[in-house]
Amino acid sequence: MVERSTARLATLLLVGLTIVWGSTFFLIKDLVAHVPSLDFLGVRFLLAAGIMTAIAWRRVARLGRALLLRSAVLGLLYTAAQILQTVGLETTPASVSGFLTGLYVVLTPLIAATAFRHRIDRGTWIAVGVASAGLVVLTLTGIDLGPGAALTLGGALAYALHIIATARWARVEHALGISIVQLWVIGIVCLAAGAPDGVTLPATAGQWASMLYMVVFASIAAMWVQTWAQAQLSATRAAVIMTAEPVWATAFAVALGGEELSWRLLVGGGMILGAMYAVELLAARRPRPREEPPTGAIDAPVRMPGE
């Protein structure tokens, strides 16, 4: 059993992680105004992959052929999520993007129910309805959903698929090796896709500072923190903590990104956030077997590092 002080430290680290992830939305939005999205993603994740491989290459060597292939598939799913989210950010406010991305928490049990015939209880359906209503308040103008918001929703769907596949394939002892493979896949695919037009690198010290911040803190450090902290906490408790990410994304976008705190953002974002918490708290109330499922189980969505 995990000691209370260790669990408290793990909780504080996860809260810090949500702050870091929340801070990246407005930074990415500013950066992709100068550096094409595919170039940004390719450089960011290749730098992170190179550093992590130098530190822990043996973890990759231990995966075996089958797990390497599955890791590559996970990397492709995560690549799709990152591209859709980042391109969507080009035309979507960072605060709105944070809430839309967080809808993966609601989408995950719905997809799991469709694919694996998991039963969805009434409370989850109510949460889905509240999240959908919040989405209408937050992002709709008339009857048209903006293209940036639509792409971001596609990214949330890809994150949900990634979570489900990770829950079925990954184990804690292989988490680091799987993560490194995914970093390489994301970096290579994105850079290869952007290469025909030439690769644009950050041009100023400020742009490089933003890039390195996301490489070191939002990718590499986040991976270590998330892996260790989730080993100390239940998956549901960890997921509930991490649903605070959209709140931090909004706070940074308003405080440092120059965005306005509108009634749509407060009401719609609040409805989506409430639905996220409801889904996770409902998962906590469900009967569990004696041994809790591995961290990252389908009923407790947990994101992979580097978002």
Protein backbone atom coordinates (compact mmCIF):
# COMPACT_ATOMS: atom_id res chain seq x y z
CA MET A 1 0.00 0.00 0.00
CA VAL A 2 1.30 3.42 -0.95
CA GLU A 3 2.17 5.66 2.00
CA ARG A 4 0.06 8.78 2.45
CA SER A 5 3.06 11.10 2.02
CA THR A 6 4.01 9.38 -1.25
CA ALA A 7 0.45 9.63 -2.53
CA ARG A 8 0.37 13.31 -1.59
CA LEU A 9 3.61 13.92 -3.48
CA ALA A 10 2.25 12.05 -6.50
CA THR A 11 -0.90 14.18 -6.40
CA LEU A 12 1.10 17.41 -6.24
CA LEU A 13 3.28 16.30 -9.15
CA LEU A 14 0.23 15.49 -11.28
CA VAL A 15 -1.29 18.87 -10.46
CA GLY A 16 1.99 20.45 -11.58
CA LEU A 17 1.83 18.37 -14.75
CA THR A 18 -1.64 19.70 -15.60
CA ILE A 19 -0.28 23.23 -15.15
CA VAL A 20 2.57 22.51 -17.58
CA TRP A 21 0.24 20.95 -20.14
CA GLY A 22 -2.23 23.82 -19.77
CA SER A 23 0.54 26.35 -20.37
CA THR A 24 1.45 24.80 -23.73
CA PHE A 25 -1.78 25.75 -25.55
CA PHE A 26 -1.12 29.46 -25.87
CA LEU A 27 2.61 28.85 -26.44
CA ILE A 28 1.87 26.47 -29.31
CA LYS A 29 -0.67 28.89 -30.77
CA ASP A 30 1.95 31.65 -30.81
CA LEU A 31 4.69 29.38 -32.15
CA VAL A 32 2.71 27.90 -35.06
CA ALA A 33 1.99 31.45 -36.24
CA HIS A 34 5.67 31.49 -37.30
CA VAL A 35 6.63 27.81 -37.63
CA PRO A 36 4.38 25.45 -39.67
CA SER A 37 2.58 22.92 -37.48
CA LEU A 38 4.24 19.84 -39.01
CA ASP A 39 7.71 21.37 -38.67
CA PHE A 40 7.03 22.32 -35.06
CA LEU A 41 5.80 18.82 -34.16
CA GLY A 42 8.63 17.10 -36.03
CA VAL A 43 11.40 19.12 -34.38
CA ARG A 44 9.79 18.98 -30.93
CA PHE A 45 9.28 15.24 -30.81
CA LEU A 46 12.55 14.30 -32.53
CA LEU A 47 14.47 16.35 -29.96
CA ALA A 48 12.55 14.65 -27.15
CA ALA A 49 13.04 11.21 -28.73
CA GLY A 50 16.78 11.72 -29.16
CA ILE A 51 17.28 12.84 -25.57
CA MET A 52 15.14 10.02 -24.13
CA THR A 53 16.84 7.39 -26.29
CA ALA A 54 20.24 8.53 -25.06
CA ILE A 55 19.03 8.17 -21.47
CA ALA A 56 17.02 4.94 -21.68
CA TRP A 57 17.72 3.13 -24.97
CA ARG A 58 17.78 -0.24 -23.18
CA ARG A 59 14.04 0.10 -22.45
CA VAL A 60 13.36 0.13 -26.19
CA ALA A 61 15.60 -2.88 -26.82
CA ARG A 62 13.54 -4.91 -24.32
CA LEU A 63 10.21 -4.42 -26.08
CA GLY A 64 10.40 -7.24 -28.63
CA ARG A 65 9.12 -7.22 -32.21
CA ALA A 66 5.39 -7.50 -31.44
CA LEU A 67 5.41 -4.70 -28.88
CA LEU A 68 7.57 -2.53 -31.14
CA LEU A 69 4.94 -2.85 -33.87
CA ARG A 70 2.13 -2.03 -31.48
CA SER A 71 4.11 0.93 -30.16
CA ALA A 72 4.45 2.20 -33.72
CA VAL A 73 0.69 1.93 -34.23
CA LEU A 74 0.15 3.85 -30.99
CA GLY A 75 2.60 6.44 -32.28
CA LEU A 76 0.58 6.85 -35.49
CA LEU A 77 -2.63 7.37 -33.50
CA TYR A 78 -0.89 9.92 -31.32
CA THR A 79 0.56 11.59 -34.41
CA ALA A 80 -2.93 12.06 -35.82
CA ALA A 81 -4.10 13.51 -32.50
CA GLN A 82 -1.18 15.94 -32.30
CA ILE A 83 -1.52 17.13 -35.90
CA LEU A 84 -5.27 17.70 -35.63
CA GLN A 85 -4.94 19.49 -32.30
CA THR A 86 -2.03 21.67 -33.40
CA VAL A 87 -3.47 22.62 -36.81
CA GLY A 88 -6.79 23.32 -35.12
CA LEU A 89 -5.03 25.69 -32.73
CA GLU A 90 -4.03 27.88 -35.67
CA THR A 91 -7.63 29.13 -35.93
CA THR A 92 -9.06 28.23 -32.51
CA PRO A 93 -8.55 30.19 -29.26
CA ALA A 94 -6.21 28.35 -26.90
CA SER A 95 -8.84 28.39 -24.14
CA VAL A 96 -11.46 26.75 -26.37
CA SER A 97 -8.94 24.20 -27.66
CA GLY A 98 -8.17 23.12 -24.10
CA PHE A 99 -11.79 22.23 -23.38
CA LEU A 100 -12.38 20.59 -26.77
CA THR A 101 -9.28 18.44 -26.39
CA GLY A 102 -10.45 17.39 -22.93
CA LEU A 103 -13.56 15.82 -24.45
CA TYR A 104 -11.47 12.67 -24.97
CA VAL A 105 -12.50 11.86 -21.38
CA VAL A 106 -16.13 11.63 -22.48
CA LEU A 107 -15.45 10.03 -25.88
CA THR A 108 -13.34 7.18 -24.49
CA PRO A 109 -16.14 5.24 -22.72
CA LEU A 110 -18.45 5.79 -25.70
CA ILE A 111 -15.95 4.28 -28.13
CA ALA A 112 -15.16 1.46 -25.71
CA ALA A 113 -18.88 0.68 -25.48
CA THR A 114 -19.20 0.56 -29.26
CA ALA A 115 -16.04 -1.46 -29.90
CA PHE A 116 -16.07 -3.81 -26.91
CA ARG A 117 -19.73 -3.75 -25.84
CA HIS A 118 -19.03 -2.09 -22.53
CA ARG A 119 -22.29 -1.01 -20.90
CA ILE A 120 -22.80 2.74 -20.50
CA ASP A 121 -24.81 3.70 -17.42
CA ARG A 122 -27.37 6.49 -17.24
CA GLY A 123 -25.01 8.87 -15.45
CA THR A 124 -22.45 8.65 -18.26
CA TRP A 125 -25.12 9.37 -20.87
CA ILE A 126 -26.17 12.44 -18.87
CA ALA A 127 -22.53 13.56 -18.76
CA VAL A 128 -22.30 13.12 -22.55
CA GLY A 129 -25.42 15.25 -22.97
CA VAL A 130 -24.03 17.99 -20.71
CA ALA A 131 -20.69 17.95 -22.57
CA SER A 132 -22.48 18.20 -25.91
CA ALA A 133 -24.55 21.14 -24.68
CA GLY A 134 -21.38 22.78 -23.40
CA LEU A 135 -19.80 22.28 -26.81
CA VAL A 136 -22.72 24.07 -28.44
CA VAL A 137 -22.39 27.02 -26.06
CA LEU A 138 -18.61 27.13 -26.43
CA THR A 139 -17.98 26.77 -30.13
CA LEU A 140 -21.02 27.07 -32.35
CA THR A 141 -21.77 30.19 -34.36
CA GLY A 142 -25.24 29.78 -35.81
CA ILE A 143 -25.30 26.18 -36.98
CA ASP A 144 -21.72 25.96 -38.28
CA LEU A 145 -18.83 24.48 -36.34
CA GLY A 146 -15.62 26.34 -37.11
CA PRO A 147 -12.96 24.33 -38.98
CA GLY A 148 -10.39 24.78 -36.22
CA ALA A 149 -12.81 23.50 -33.58
CA ALA A 150 -13.78 20.57 -35.83
CA LEU A 151 -10.13 19.60 -36.26
CA THR A 152 -9.60 19.84 -32.50
CA LEU A 153 -12.58 17.55 -31.92
CA GLY A 154 -10.98 15.12 -34.37
CA GLY A 155 -7.85 15.30 -32.25
CA ALA A 156 -9.87 14.48 -29.13
CA LEU A 157 -11.29 11.44 -30.95
CA ALA A 158 -7.78 10.32 -31.90
CA TYR A 159 -6.65 10.73 -28.26
CA ALA A 160 -9.57 8.55 -27.17
CA LEU A 161 -8.60 5.82 -29.65
CA HIS A 162 -5.01 6.08 -28.47
CA ILE A 163 -6.09 5.65 -24.84
CA ILE A 164 -8.14 2.56 -25.63
CA ALA A 165 -5.34 0.96 -27.65
CA THR A 166 -2.79 1.79 -24.94
CA ALA A 167 -5.01 0.22 -22.28
CA ARG A 168 -5.17 -3.02 -24.27
CA TRP A 169 -1.52 -3.25 -25.29
CA ALA A 170 0.70 -1.46 -22.79
CA ARG A 171 1.97 -2.50 -19.36
CA VAL A 172 3.61 -0.37 -16.70
CA GLU A 173 6.98 -2.12 -17.03
CA HIS A 174 7.12 -1.23 -20.75
CA ALA A 175 5.71 2.31 -20.47
CA LEU A 176 9.02 4.10 -20.96
CA GLY A 177 10.12 2.06 -23.98
CA ILE A 178 6.71 2.39 -25.62
CA SER A 179 6.75 6.14 -25.04
CA ILE A 180 10.18 6.51 -26.67
CA VAL A 181 9.06 4.60 -29.77
CA GLN A 182 6.01 6.85 -30.02
CA LEU A 183 8.16 9.97 -29.77
CA TRP A 184 10.25 8.75 -32.72
CA VAL A 185 7.19 7.89 -34.81
CA ILE A 186 5.56 11.28 -34.20
CA GLY A 187 8.76 13.18 -34.97
CA ILE A 188 9.66 11.23 -38.12
CA VAL A 189 6.14 11.28 -39.62
CA CYS A 190 5.59 14.98 -38.97
CA LEU A 191 9.00 16.06 -40.21
CA ALA A 192 8.71 13.87 -43.32
CA ALA A 193 5.29 15.34 -44.08
CA GLY A 194 6.56 18.88 -43.72
CA ALA A 195 9.90 18.36 -45.49
CA PRO A 196 8.72 18.84 -49.14
CA ASP A 197 8.12 22.54 -48.42
CA GLY A 198 11.34 22.85 -46.46
CA VAL A 199 11.70 22.70 -42.69
CA THR A 200 11.18 25.99 -40.89
CA LEU A 201 12.90 26.27 -37.51
CA PRO A 202 12.16 28.78 -34.75
CA ALA A 203 13.79 32.08 -35.71
CA THR A 204 14.06 33.98 -32.45
CA ALA A 205 15.33 33.29 -28.95
CA GLY A 206 11.77 33.50 -27.65
CA GLN A 207 10.54 30.89 -30.16
CA TRP A 208 13.39 28.53 -29.29
CA ALA A 209 12.67 29.05 -25.59
CA SER A 210 9.05 27.99 -26.16
CA MET A 211 10.18 24.97 -28.18
CA LEU A 212 12.70 23.84 -25.57
CA TYR A 213 10.18 24.38 -22.77
CA MET A 214 7.81 21.98 -24.50
CA VAL A 215 10.57 19.46 -25.22
CA VAL A 216 12.00 19.44 -21.69
CA PHE A 217 8.96 20.03 -19.50
CA ALA A 218 5.87 19.07 -21.54
CA SER A 219 7.45 15.99 -23.17
CA ILE A 220 10.45 14.54 -21.32
CA ALA A 221 9.79 15.60 -17.71
CA ALA A 222 6.07 14.98 -18.17
CA MET A 223 6.75 11.39 -19.17
CA TRP A 224 8.81 10.70 -16.05
CA VAL A 225 6.37 12.45 -13.72
CA GLN A 226 3.29 10.82 -15.17
CA THR A 227 4.78 7.32 -15.16
CA TRP A 228 5.97 7.58 -11.55
CA ALA A 229 2.91 9.36 -10.16
CA GLN A 230 0.41 7.00 -11.75
CA ALA A 231 2.25 4.05 -10.26
CA GLN A 232 1.42 5.52 -6.83
CA LEU A 233 -2.23 6.46 -7.43
CA SER A 234 -5.32 4.73 -8.73
CA ALA A 235 -6.00 5.33 -12.41
CA THR A 236 -9.30 7.04 -11.63
CA ARG A 237 -7.78 9.42 -9.09
CA ALA A 238 -5.02 10.32 -11.55
CA ALA A 239 -7.50 10.94 -14.36
CA VAL A 240 -9.71 13.16 -12.20
CA ILE A 241 -6.68 15.29 -11.31
CA MET A 242 -5.67 15.61 -14.97
CA THR A 243 -9.08 16.81 -16.09
CA ALA A 244 -8.02 20.17 -14.61
CA GLU A 245 -5.83 20.75 -17.67
CA PRO A 246 -8.46 22.79 -19.59
CA VAL A 247 -8.83 25.11 -16.59
CA TRP A 248 -5.10 25.87 -16.68
CA ALA A 249 -5.19 26.23 -20.47
CA THR A 250 -7.87 28.88 -20.06
CA ALA A 251 -6.06 30.63 -17.21
CA PHE A 252 -2.82 30.92 -19.20
CA ALA A 253 -4.64 31.97 -22.38
CA VAL A 254 -6.44 34.78 -20.56
CA ALA A 255 -3.54 35.88 -18.34
CA LEU A 256 -0.68 35.63 -20.84
CA GLY A 257 -2.24 34.97 -24.24
CA GLY A 258 -4.42 38.05 -24.44
CA GLU A 259 -7.73 36.17 -24.74
CA GLU A 260 -10.98 37.45 -23.23
CA LEU A 261 -12.93 35.62 -20.54
CA SER A 262 -16.36 35.55 -22.19
CA TRP A 263 -19.63 34.15 -20.88
CA ARG A 264 -19.49 31.44 -23.56
CA LEU A 265 -16.11 30.31 -22.25
CA LEU A 266 -17.26 30.30 -18.63
CA VAL A 267 -20.59 28.53 -19.23
CA GLY A 268 -19.65 26.17 -22.05
CA GLY A 269 -16.24 25.31 -20.63
CA GLY A 270 -17.73 24.80 -17.18
CA MET A 271 -20.30 22.36 -18.58
CA ILE A 272 -17.62 20.36 -20.40
CA LEU A 273 -15.36 20.30 -17.34
CA GLY A 274 -18.27 19.18 -15.16
CA ALA A 275 -19.02 16.36 -17.58
CA MET A 276 -15.37 15.24 -17.48
CA TYR A 277 -15.38 15.06 -13.70
CA ALA A 278 -18.71 13.26 -13.71
CA VAL A 279 -17.40 10.55 -16.04
CA GLU A 280 -14.34 9.95 -13.87
CA LEU A 281 -16.22 10.04 -10.57
CA LEU A 282 -18.78 7.58 -11.94
CA ALA A 283 -15.89 5.28 -12.87
CA ALA A 284 -14.65 5.50 -9.27
CA ARG A 285 -18.04 4.33 -7.97
CA ARG A 286 -18.23 1.24 -10.16
CA PRO A 287 -17.49 -2.11 -8.52
CA ARG A 288 -13.91 -3.20 -9.11
CA PRO A 289 -12.17 -6.55 -8.82
CA ARG A 290 -9.80 -7.06 -5.91
CA GLU A 291 -6.84 -5.96 -7.96
CA GLU A 292 -7.34 -2.64 -9.71
CA PRO A 293 -6.75 -2.69 -13.48
CA PRO A 294 -3.41 -1.39 -14.69
CA THR A 295 -3.03 2.36 -14.94
CA GLY A 296 -4.49 3.52 -18.22
CA ALA A 297 -7.47 1.17 -18.14
CA ILE A 298 -10.34 2.14 -20.40
CA ASP A 299 -12.64 3.32 -17.62
CA ALA A 300 -10.01 5.80 -16.44
CA PRO A 301 -8.59 7.71 -19.39
CA VAL A 302 -4.99 8.76 -18.94
CA ARG A 303 -3.06 10.70 -21.53
CA MET A 304 0.36 9.78 -22.75
CA PRO A 305 3.14 12.26 -22.10
CA GLY A 306 4.17 15.01 -24.45
CA GLU A 307 0.80 16.66 -25.07
